[in-house]
Protein backbone atom coordinates (compact mmCIF):
# COMPACT_ATOMS: atom_id res chain seq x y z
CA MET A 1 110.81 167.56 130.86
CA SER A 2 113.04 170.06 132.43
CA GLN A 3 116.66 170.35 131.54
CA GLY A 4 118.88 167.88 133.40
CA THR A 5 116.10 165.38 134.00
CA SER A 6 116.46 162.01 132.37
CA VAL A 7 114.21 159.02 132.29
CA CYS A 8 115.74 155.61 132.70
CA VAL A 9 113.62 152.87 131.20
CA THR A 10 114.87 149.35 131.71
CA ALA A 11 113.53 146.17 130.22
CA PRO A 12 112.34 143.37 132.46
CA ARG A 13 115.04 140.97 133.57
CA MET A 14 113.81 138.22 131.25
CA VAL A 15 114.10 140.49 128.22
CA ARG A 16 117.59 141.57 129.20
CA ALA A 17 118.72 137.98 129.66
CA ALA A 18 121.18 136.85 127.06
CA GLY A 19 119.50 135.10 124.19
CA PHE A 20 115.87 135.94 125.00
CA ASN A 21 113.82 135.89 121.84
CA PRO A 22 110.02 136.24 122.02
CA LEU A 23 109.55 134.64 118.60
CA ARG A 24 111.54 131.61 119.72
CA ARG A 25 109.27 131.31 122.76
CA VAL A 26 106.17 131.37 120.52
CA TRP A 27 107.77 128.78 118.22
CA HIS A 28 108.47 126.51 121.19
CA MET A 29 104.86 126.84 122.35
CA TYR A 30 103.64 125.89 118.88
CA MET A 31 106.01 122.90 118.73
CA ALA A 32 104.88 121.71 122.18
CA TRP A 33 101.24 121.93 121.08
CA ARG A 34 101.98 120.10 117.81
CA THR A 35 104.01 117.35 119.48
CA ARG A 36 101.30 116.76 122.06
CA ARG A 37 98.68 116.48 119.31
CA GLN A 38 100.86 113.89 117.56
CA LEU A 39 101.25 111.98 120.81
CA ILE A 40 97.47 111.53 120.93
CA GLU A 41 97.53 109.61 117.66
CA LEU A 42 100.56 107.45 118.49
CA PRO A 43 99.67 103.72 118.57
CA ASP A 44 100.28 101.86 121.84
CA HIS A 45 103.07 99.67 120.45
CA LEU A 46 105.01 102.78 119.37
CA LEU A 47 104.29 104.44 122.69
CA SER A 48 105.99 101.54 124.48
CA ASP A 49 108.90 101.74 122.01
CA ILE A 50 109.73 105.24 123.26
CA GLY A 51 109.37 104.16 126.88
CA LEU A 52 106.05 105.80 127.72
CA ARG A 53 102.95 104.35 129.34
CA GLU A 54 99.36 105.38 128.70
CA TRP A 55 99.46 107.36 131.94
CA ASP A 56 102.51 109.29 130.70
CA ARG A 57 100.72 110.12 127.47
CA GLU A 58 97.63 111.38 129.30
CA ALA A 59 99.76 113.52 131.61
CA GLU A 60 101.64 115.08 128.68
CA ILE A 61 98.63 115.82 126.46
CA SER A 62 96.75 117.43 129.35
CA ARG A 63 99.45 120.11 129.69
CA ARG A 64 98.76 123.57 128.25
CA PHE A 65 100.66 124.78 125.20
CA TRP A 66 102.52 127.39 127.25
CA ASP A 67 103.69 124.72 129.72
CA LEU A 68 107.05 124.05 128.08
CA PRO A 69 109.67 121.49 129.09
CA ARG A 70 112.43 123.04 131.18
CA SER A 71 115.02 122.34 128.51
CA TRP A 72 113.09 124.59 126.06
CA ARG A 73 112.93 127.63 128.33
């Protein structure tokens, strides 16, 4: 580089956002995957106790591990 020339490298907006932590994101993906696997094994009477129907269970377990709830993002 010649004298007087500087390079400005900025991080993507998501990285610059306050509180962004890539390890936390990976942890949330793991927890979503684990919770969905546990939902598969939940008996029907417990499923109704938490206010879910069979259709709700099927919809949730068909989601990909990176498809996180909005409150986790």
